[in-house]
């Protein structure tokens, strides 16, 4: 798995930061993400990456209420619980 971080840029937005980056993803990961987003239209690439990153951090011992809230918030948005969506 080759991942390269080409650029990172932070911009302060109120109390949160926005980080932009480019990364090469293995084709199977790209395909799985695309398939997931196509099957779950209430998800987009940004929500998926936020949930994945927060989930990884929580599962690997980051003890932060804020990170846990990001994870739970992305996983259980009200829209994601609607049938047929």
Protein backbone atom coordinates (compact mmCIF):
# COMPACT_ATOMS: atom_id res chain seq x y z
CA UNK A 1 0.00 0.00 0.00
CA UNK A 2 1.63 3.17 -1.14
CA UNK A 3 0.28 6.41 0.23
CA UNK A 4 1.93 9.74 -0.36
CA UNK A 5 1.03 12.99 1.28
CA UNK A 6 1.63 15.58 -1.40
CA UNK A 7 0.54 18.73 0.39
CA UNK A 8 -1.01 19.78 3.66
CA UNK A 9 -2.62 23.15 4.22
CA UNK A 10 -4.45 24.26 7.37
CA UNK A 11 -6.91 27.11 7.47
CA UNK A 12 -8.50 28.25 10.74
CA UNK A 13 -12.31 28.17 10.56
CA UNK A 14 -13.92 29.26 13.86
CA UNK A 15 -12.89 26.65 16.44
CA UNK A 16 -12.16 23.90 13.88
CA UNK A 17 -9.36 23.47 11.36
CA UNK A 18 -9.76 22.40 7.77
CA UNK A 19 -6.93 20.27 6.41
CA UNK A 20 -6.60 19.63 2.70
CA UNK A 21 -4.40 16.86 1.42
CA UNK A 22 -3.83 14.68 -1.57
CA UNK A 23 -3.05 11.05 -1.16
CA UNK A 24 -2.64 8.17 -3.55
CA UNK A 25 -4.98 5.34 -2.60
CA UNK A 26 -4.73 1.75 -3.74
CA UNK A 27 -7.30 0.98 -6.43
CA UNK A 28 -9.26 -1.53 -4.28
CA UNK A 29 -9.68 1.13 -1.57
CA UNK A 30 -10.83 3.72 -4.11
CA UNK A 31 -13.32 1.27 -5.58
CA UNK A 32 -14.67 0.26 -2.17
CA UNK A 33 -15.14 3.91 -1.16
CA UNK A 34 -16.91 4.72 -4.43
CA UNK A 35 -19.17 1.69 -4.10
CA UNK A 36 -20.03 2.55 -0.50
CA UNK A 37 -20.87 6.18 -1.37
CA UNK A 38 -22.99 5.07 -4.34
CA UNK A 39 -24.92 2.67 -2.08
CA UNK A 40 -25.29 5.24 0.73
CA UNK A 41 -26.13 8.62 -0.85
CA UNK A 42 -26.26 10.36 2.53
CA UNK A 43 -22.50 9.75 2.83
CA UNK A 44 -19.80 11.61 0.91
CA UNK A 45 -16.03 11.28 0.77
CA UNK A 46 -15.53 13.88 3.50
CA UNK A 47 -17.87 12.24 5.98
CA UNK A 48 -16.37 8.82 5.20
CA UNK A 49 -12.80 10.01 5.77
CA UNK A 50 -13.76 11.84 8.98
CA UNK A 51 -15.52 8.75 10.35
CA UNK A 52 -12.65 6.45 9.34
CA UNK A 53 -9.96 8.67 10.84
CA UNK A 54 -11.87 9.29 14.07
CA UNK A 55 -12.72 5.59 14.36
CA UNK A 56 -9.08 4.63 13.86
CA UNK A 57 -7.93 7.07 16.53
CA UNK A 58 -10.57 5.96 19.05
CA UNK A 59 -9.82 2.26 18.44
CA UNK A 60 -6.11 2.91 18.91
CA UNK A 61 -6.29 4.55 22.27
CA UNK A 62 -6.88 8.25 21.67
CA UNK A 63 -8.82 9.25 24.77
CA UNK A 64 -10.65 12.34 23.58
CA UNK A 65 -14.31 13.11 24.05
CA UNK A 66 -14.20 15.42 21.02
CA UNK A 67 -12.79 12.70 18.74
CA UNK A 68 -15.37 10.22 20.01
CA UNK A 69 -18.11 12.77 19.26
CA UNK A 70 -16.82 13.19 15.69
CA UNK A 71 -16.85 9.42 15.22
CA UNK A 72 -20.31 8.87 16.70
CA UNK A 73 -21.69 11.95 14.97
CA UNK A 74 -20.57 10.70 11.57
CA UNK A 75 -21.69 7.13 12.16
CA UNK A 76 -25.13 7.94 13.50
CA UNK A 77 -26.35 11.05 11.73
CA UNK A 78 -30.12 11.18 11.72
CA UNK A 79 -30.18 11.07 7.91
CA UNK A 80 -28.21 7.82 7.93
CA UNK A 81 -30.94 6.14 9.98
CA UNK A 82 -33.74 6.89 7.52
CA UNK A 83 -35.01 3.79 5.69
CA UNK A 84 -34.24 3.69 1.99
CA UNK A 85 -31.49 6.32 2.21
